[in-house]
Amino acid sequence: MSAPIILIDDEALICRVFGLALRKLGRLVVTFTDPRAAIAHIASSERPCLVICDYRMPGLTGLEVLEQLPDDLPFLLISGDLLASETAAHRRGVTAFLQKPVRLDELLATVSPLLTH
């Protein structure tokens, strides 16, 4: 079985909609609205092939989540915050960045080449 995609966004609706779209790529998608729960899951489960994370969430930012993950784990940061895009562009470990609002076709086109295993 292929490694899962982890999707982290504090908005349950985004998790649901993005999760359904990402499943079309033939991967298991595990969603979290709590970034700390996602970090704990990643630490104790099968290594994901990709982490997709919102930038602005209660408790932790997407970049703070990134700091707690293995360095070589592909990481897609999504944000409506223009400052986040500037930061992400220069942040080690951010594999790709998408600016909200994100169209589903844009999400799939960005994610597809990042799925390596």
N, C-alpha and C. Protein backbone atom coordinates (compact mmCIF):
# COMPACT_ATOMS: atom_id res chain seq x y z
N MET A 1 0.84 -1.19 0.00
CA MET A 1 0.00 0.00 0.00
C MET A 1 0.88 1.25 0.00
N SER A 2 0.44 2.27 -0.67
CA SER A 2 1.17 3.53 -0.75
C SER A 2 1.09 4.28 0.57
N ALA A 3 2.11 5.06 0.84
CA ALA A 3 2.13 5.89 2.05
C ALA A 3 1.01 6.93 1.96
N PRO A 4 0.45 7.30 3.10
CA PRO A 4 -0.67 8.24 3.10
C PRO A 4 -0.23 9.69 2.93
N ILE A 5 -1.20 10.52 2.58
CA ILE A 5 -1.06 11.97 2.60
C ILE A 5 -1.68 12.44 3.91
N ILE A 6 -0.98 13.33 4.61
CA ILE A 6 -1.53 13.94 5.83
C ILE A 6 -1.96 15.36 5.48
N LEU A 7 -3.20 15.69 5.79
CA LEU A 7 -3.76 17.00 5.52
C LEU A 7 -4.15 17.65 6.85
N ILE A 8 -3.61 18.84 7.11
CA ILE A 8 -3.85 19.54 8.37
C ILE A 8 -4.44 20.91 8.07
N ASP A 9 -5.66 21.13 8.53
CA ASP A 9 -6.31 22.44 8.39
C ASP A 9 -7.33 22.55 9.51
N ASP A 10 -7.38 23.68 10.19
CA ASP A 10 -8.31 23.83 11.30
C ASP A 10 -9.77 23.94 10.85
N GLU A 11 -10.00 24.08 9.56
CA GLU A 11 -11.37 24.13 9.03
C GLU A 11 -11.77 22.74 8.55
N ALA A 12 -12.74 22.15 9.23
CA ALA A 12 -13.18 20.79 8.91
C ALA A 12 -13.69 20.68 7.47
N LEU A 13 -14.36 21.70 6.97
CA LEU A 13 -14.88 21.67 5.61
C LEU A 13 -13.74 21.57 4.59
N ILE A 14 -12.67 22.30 4.80
CA ILE A 14 -11.52 22.22 3.90
C ILE A 14 -10.92 20.82 3.95
N CYS A 15 -10.80 20.26 5.15
CA CYS A 15 -10.29 18.89 5.26
C CYS A 15 -11.16 17.92 4.47
N ARG A 16 -12.46 18.08 4.57
CA ARG A 16 -13.39 17.18 3.87
C ARG A 16 -13.27 17.32 2.36
N VAL A 17 -13.32 18.55 1.87
CA VAL A 17 -13.30 18.81 0.43
C VAL A 17 -11.94 18.45 -0.18
N PHE A 18 -10.86 18.93 0.42
CA PHE A 18 -9.52 18.61 -0.09
C PHE A 18 -9.26 17.11 0.02
N GLY A 19 -9.69 16.50 1.12
CA GLY A 19 -9.50 15.06 1.30
C GLY A 19 -10.15 14.25 0.20
N LEU A 20 -11.38 14.60 -0.14
CA LEU A 20 -12.08 13.89 -1.23
C LEU A 20 -11.34 14.07 -2.55
N ALA A 21 -10.88 15.28 -2.83
CA ALA A 21 -10.16 15.53 -4.08
C ALA A 21 -8.85 14.75 -4.12
N LEU A 22 -8.11 14.75 -3.03
CA LEU A 22 -6.81 14.08 -2.99
C LEU A 22 -6.93 12.57 -3.11
N ARG A 23 -8.02 12.01 -2.65
CA ARG A 23 -8.23 10.57 -2.76
C ARG A 23 -8.31 10.13 -4.23
N LYS A 24 -8.63 11.05 -5.11
CA LYS A 24 -8.66 10.74 -6.55
C LYS A 24 -7.28 10.40 -7.08
N LEU A 25 -6.24 10.73 -6.31
CA LEU A 25 -4.87 10.41 -6.71
C LEU A 25 -4.48 8.99 -6.28
N GLY A 26 -5.45 8.27 -5.70
CA GLY A 26 -5.21 6.88 -5.32
C GLY A 26 -4.48 6.71 -4.00
N ARG A 27 -4.51 7.71 -3.15
CA ARG A 27 -3.82 7.65 -1.87
C ARG A 27 -4.81 7.72 -0.72
N LEU A 28 -4.44 7.09 0.37
CA LEU A 28 -5.16 7.28 1.62
C LEU A 28 -4.85 8.71 2.08
N VAL A 29 -5.87 9.43 2.52
CA VAL A 29 -5.68 10.79 3.03
C VAL A 29 -6.18 10.80 4.47
N VAL A 30 -5.30 11.18 5.38
CA VAL A 30 -5.65 11.27 6.79
C VAL A 30 -5.69 12.75 7.13
N THR A 31 -6.85 13.21 7.63
CA THR A 31 -7.04 14.64 7.89
C THR A 31 -7.04 14.93 9.38
N PHE A 32 -6.57 16.12 9.70
CA PHE A 32 -6.54 16.60 11.09
C PHE A 32 -6.93 18.06 11.14
N THR A 33 -7.77 18.42 12.11
CA THR A 33 -8.07 19.83 12.36
C THR A 33 -7.23 20.35 13.52
N ASP A 34 -6.52 19.46 14.21
CA ASP A 34 -5.65 19.83 15.32
C ASP A 34 -4.20 19.53 14.92
N PRO A 35 -3.36 20.55 14.78
CA PRO A 35 -1.99 20.30 14.33
C PRO A 35 -1.17 19.45 15.29
N ARG A 36 -1.42 19.57 16.58
CA ARG A 36 -0.67 18.75 17.54
C ARG A 36 -1.02 17.27 17.40
N ALA A 37 -2.28 16.97 17.15
CA ALA A 37 -2.70 15.58 16.93
C ALA A 37 -2.05 15.04 15.66
N ALA A 38 -1.93 15.86 14.65
CA ALA A 38 -1.29 15.44 13.40
C ALA A 38 0.18 15.12 13.63
N ILE A 39 0.88 15.97 14.38
CA ILE A 39 2.29 15.73 14.67
C ILE A 39 2.46 14.41 15.43
N ALA A 40 1.60 14.18 16.43
CA ALA A 40 1.68 12.93 17.20
C ALA A 40 1.42 11.73 16.31
N HIS A 41 0.46 11.84 15.39
CA HIS A 41 0.15 10.75 14.47
C HIS A 41 1.34 10.46 13.56
N ILE A 42 1.94 11.47 13.02
CA ILE A 42 3.08 11.30 12.12
C ILE A 42 4.23 10.63 12.85
N ALA A 43 4.44 11.01 14.11
CA ALA A 43 5.54 10.44 14.90
C ALA A 43 5.32 8.97 15.22
N SER A 44 4.06 8.54 15.28
CA SER A 44 3.79 7.18 15.74
C SER A 44 3.23 6.25 14.66
N SER A 45 3.15 6.70 13.44
CA SER A 45 2.53 5.90 12.38
C SER A 45 3.45 5.77 11.18
N GLU A 46 2.92 5.12 10.15
CA GLU A 46 3.67 5.00 8.90
C GLU A 46 4.03 6.38 8.38
N ARG A 47 5.24 6.49 7.87
CA ARG A 47 5.71 7.77 7.33
C ARG A 47 4.82 8.18 6.14
N PRO A 48 4.28 9.38 6.17
CA PRO A 48 3.46 9.84 5.04
C PRO A 48 4.33 10.16 3.83
N CYS A 49 3.71 10.19 2.66
CA CYS A 49 4.44 10.58 1.46
C CYS A 49 4.45 12.10 1.31
N LEU A 50 3.51 12.78 1.99
CA LEU A 50 3.37 14.23 1.87
C LEU A 50 2.55 14.74 3.04
N VAL A 51 2.92 15.92 3.54
CA VAL A 51 2.11 16.64 4.52
C VAL A 51 1.65 17.93 3.86
N ILE A 52 0.35 18.15 3.91
CA ILE A 52 -0.25 19.39 3.41
C ILE A 52 -0.78 20.12 4.64
N CYS A 53 -0.38 21.37 4.81
CA CYS A 53 -0.73 22.06 6.06
C CYS A 53 -1.09 23.52 5.80
N ASP A 54 -2.16 23.95 6.46
CA ASP A 54 -2.53 25.35 6.46
C ASP A 54 -1.50 26.14 7.27
N TYR A 55 -1.31 27.39 6.94
CA TYR A 55 -0.35 28.21 7.66
C TYR A 55 -0.90 28.71 8.99
N ARG A 56 -2.08 29.31 8.96
CA ARG A 56 -2.62 29.96 10.16
C ARG A 56 -3.66 29.06 10.81
N MET A 57 -3.30 28.52 12.00
CA MET A 57 -4.20 27.66 12.76
C MET A 57 -4.07 28.02 14.24
N PRO A 58 -5.09 27.73 15.02
CA PRO A 58 -4.97 27.97 16.47
C PRO A 58 -3.89 27.06 17.07
N GLY A 59 -3.06 27.61 17.90
CA GLY A 59 -2.07 26.79 18.59
C GLY A 59 -0.71 26.75 17.92
N LEU A 60 -0.66 26.41 16.65
CA LEU A 60 0.59 26.30 15.91
C LEU A 60 0.39 26.82 14.49
N THR A 61 1.41 27.44 13.95
CA THR A 61 1.36 27.79 12.53
C THR A 61 1.85 26.59 11.73
N GLY A 62 1.62 26.63 10.45
CA GLY A 62 2.12 25.56 9.58
C GLY A 62 3.63 25.44 9.64
N LEU A 63 4.33 26.56 9.77
CA LEU A 63 5.80 26.51 9.85
C LEU A 63 6.26 25.91 11.17
N GLU A 64 5.50 26.11 12.23
CA GLU A 64 5.82 25.47 13.51
C GLU A 64 5.58 23.96 13.44
N VAL A 65 4.57 23.56 12.68
CA VAL A 65 4.36 22.12 12.44
C VAL A 65 5.56 21.57 11.69
N LEU A 66 5.97 22.25 10.64
CA LEU A 66 7.10 21.82 9.83
C LEU A 66 8.36 21.59 10.67
N GLU A 67 8.60 22.46 11.62
CA GLU A 67 9.79 22.35 12.47
C GLU A 67 9.82 21.05 13.27
N GLN A 68 8.67 20.43 13.48
CA GLN A 68 8.59 19.22 14.29
C GLN A 68 8.54 17.95 13.44
N LEU A 69 8.74 18.07 12.14
CA LEU A 69 8.69 16.93 11.23
C LEU A 69 10.09 16.60 10.72
N PRO A 70 10.28 15.38 10.21
CA PRO A 70 11.58 15.04 9.61
C PRO A 70 11.91 16.00 8.47
N ASP A 71 13.19 16.35 8.35
CA ASP A 71 13.64 17.33 7.35
C ASP A 71 13.33 16.94 5.92
N ASP A 72 13.34 15.66 5.61
CA ASP A 72 13.18 15.22 4.23
C ASP A 72 11.74 14.88 3.84
N LEU A 73 10.79 15.22 4.68
CA LEU A 73 9.38 14.92 4.41
C LEU A 73 8.80 16.02 3.52
N PRO A 74 8.28 15.67 2.34
CA PRO A 74 7.68 16.70 1.48
C PRO A 74 6.55 17.44 2.20
N PHE A 75 6.55 18.78 2.07
CA PHE A 75 5.64 19.62 2.85
C PHE A 75 5.07 20.70 1.95
N LEU A 76 3.75 20.70 1.82
CA LEU A 76 3.03 21.71 1.04
C LEU A 76 2.33 22.64 2.01
N LEU A 77 2.69 23.91 1.99
CA LEU A 77 2.08 24.92 2.85
C LEU A 77 1.01 25.66 2.05
N ILE A 78 -0.15 25.83 2.68
CA ILE A 78 -1.27 26.54 2.05
C ILE A 78 -1.65 27.70 2.95
N SER A 79 -1.84 28.88 2.36
CA SER A 79 -2.20 30.03 3.17
C SER A 79 -2.88 31.12 2.36
N GLY A 80 -3.71 31.87 3.03
CA GLY A 80 -4.29 33.07 2.46
C GLY A 80 -3.51 34.30 2.90
N ASP A 81 -2.49 34.08 3.69
CA ASP A 81 -1.68 35.15 4.26
C ASP A 81 -0.50 35.44 3.33
N LEU A 82 -0.44 36.62 2.76
CA LEU A 82 0.64 36.95 1.83
C LEU A 82 2.01 36.92 2.50
N LEU A 83 2.07 37.27 3.78
CA LEU A 83 3.34 37.20 4.50
C LEU A 83 3.83 35.76 4.57
N ALA A 84 2.92 34.81 4.71
CA ALA A 84 3.30 33.40 4.76
C ALA A 84 3.95 32.97 3.45
N SER A 85 3.46 33.50 2.34
CA SER A 85 4.05 33.12 1.06
C SER A 85 5.48 33.62 0.95
N GLU A 86 5.73 34.82 1.45
CA GLU A 86 7.10 35.35 1.46
C GLU A 86 8.00 34.50 2.35
N THR A 87 7.50 34.15 3.52
CA THR A 87 8.27 33.34 4.47
C THR A 87 8.52 31.96 3.90
N ALA A 88 7.48 31.35 3.34
CA ALA A 88 7.58 29.99 2.81
C ALA A 88 8.57 29.90 1.67
N ALA A 89 8.63 30.93 0.87
CA ALA A 89 9.53 30.93 -0.28
C ALA A 89 10.99 30.82 0.14
N HIS A 90 11.27 31.26 1.35
CA HIS A 90 12.65 31.26 1.84
C HIS A 90 12.87 30.26 2.98
N ARG A 91 11.88 29.47 3.29
CA ARG A 91 11.95 28.57 4.44
C ARG A 91 12.42 27.18 4.02
N ARG A 92 13.48 26.73 4.62
CA ARG A 92 13.98 25.38 4.36
C ARG A 92 12.93 24.36 4.77
N GLY A 93 12.66 23.43 3.91
CA GLY A 93 11.71 22.37 4.22
C GLY A 93 10.36 22.54 3.55
N VAL A 94 10.01 23.74 3.11
CA VAL A 94 8.74 23.93 2.40
C VAL A 94 8.99 23.51 0.95
N THR A 95 8.35 22.42 0.56
CA THR A 95 8.53 21.88 -0.79
C THR A 95 7.75 22.68 -1.82
N ALA A 96 6.53 23.08 -1.43
CA ALA A 96 5.65 23.82 -2.34
C ALA A 96 4.73 24.71 -1.51
N PHE A 97 4.19 25.73 -2.17
CA PHE A 97 3.29 26.67 -1.50
C PHE A 97 2.11 26.96 -2.42
N LEU A 98 0.91 27.01 -1.85
CA LEU A 98 -0.28 27.42 -2.59
C LEU A 98 -0.96 28.55 -1.83
N GLN A 99 -1.36 29.56 -2.57
CA GLN A 99 -2.06 30.71 -2.01
C GLN A 99 -3.56 30.46 -2.04
N LYS A 100 -4.25 30.67 -0.91
CA LYS A 100 -5.71 30.54 -0.86
C LYS A 100 -6.33 31.75 -1.55
N PRO A 101 -7.46 31.60 -2.17
CA PRO A 101 -8.24 30.36 -2.28
C PRO A 101 -7.59 29.40 -3.28
N VAL A 102 -7.63 28.12 -2.95
CA VAL A 102 -7.02 27.08 -3.77
C VAL A 102 -8.11 26.35 -4.54
N ARG A 103 -7.94 26.30 -5.85
CA ARG A 103 -8.85 25.50 -6.68
C ARG A 103 -8.43 24.04 -6.58
N LEU A 104 -9.39 23.13 -6.66
CA LEU A 104 -9.07 21.71 -6.53
C LEU A 104 -8.15 21.23 -7.64
N ASP A 105 -8.33 21.72 -8.86
CA ASP A 105 -7.43 21.30 -9.94
C ASP A 105 -6.01 21.80 -9.69
N GLU A 106 -5.88 22.97 -9.10
CA GLU A 106 -4.57 23.51 -8.76
C GLU A 106 -3.91 22.67 -7.65
N LEU A 107 -4.71 22.26 -6.66
CA LEU A 107 -4.21 21.41 -5.59
C LEU A 107 -3.69 20.09 -6.15
N LEU A 108 -4.48 19.44 -6.99
CA LEU A 108 -4.08 18.15 -7.55
C LEU A 108 -2.85 18.29 -8.45
N ALA A 109 -2.78 19.36 -9.22
CA ALA A 109 -1.63 19.57 -10.10
C ALA A 109 -0.35 19.82 -9.30
N THR A 110 -0.46 20.43 -8.15
CA THR A 110 0.69 20.69 -7.30
C THR A 110 1.12 19.43 -6.56
N VAL A 111 0.15 18.67 -6.08
CA VAL A 111 0.44 17.47 -5.28
C VAL A 111 0.97 16.32 -6.12
N SER A 112 0.42 16.09 -7.28
CA SER A 112 0.79 14.92 -8.10
C SER A 112 2.30 14.71 -8.25
N PRO A 113 3.08 15.72 -8.63
CA PRO A 113 4.51 15.48 -8.79
C PRO A 113 5.26 15.29 -7.45
N LEU A 114 4.62 15.60 -6.33
CA LEU A 114 5.26 15.45 -5.03
C LEU A 114 5.12 14.04 -4.47
N LEU A 115 4.25 13.24 -5.08
CA LEU A 115 4.01 11.88 -4.59
C LEU A 115 5.07 10.94 -5.16
N THR A 116 6.09 10.67 -4.37
CA THR A 116 7.20 9.87 -4.86
C THR A 116 7.18 8.43 -4.38
N HIS A 117 6.47 8.12 -3.31
CA HIS A 117 6.41 6.74 -2.82
C HIS A 117 5.09 6.45 -2.16
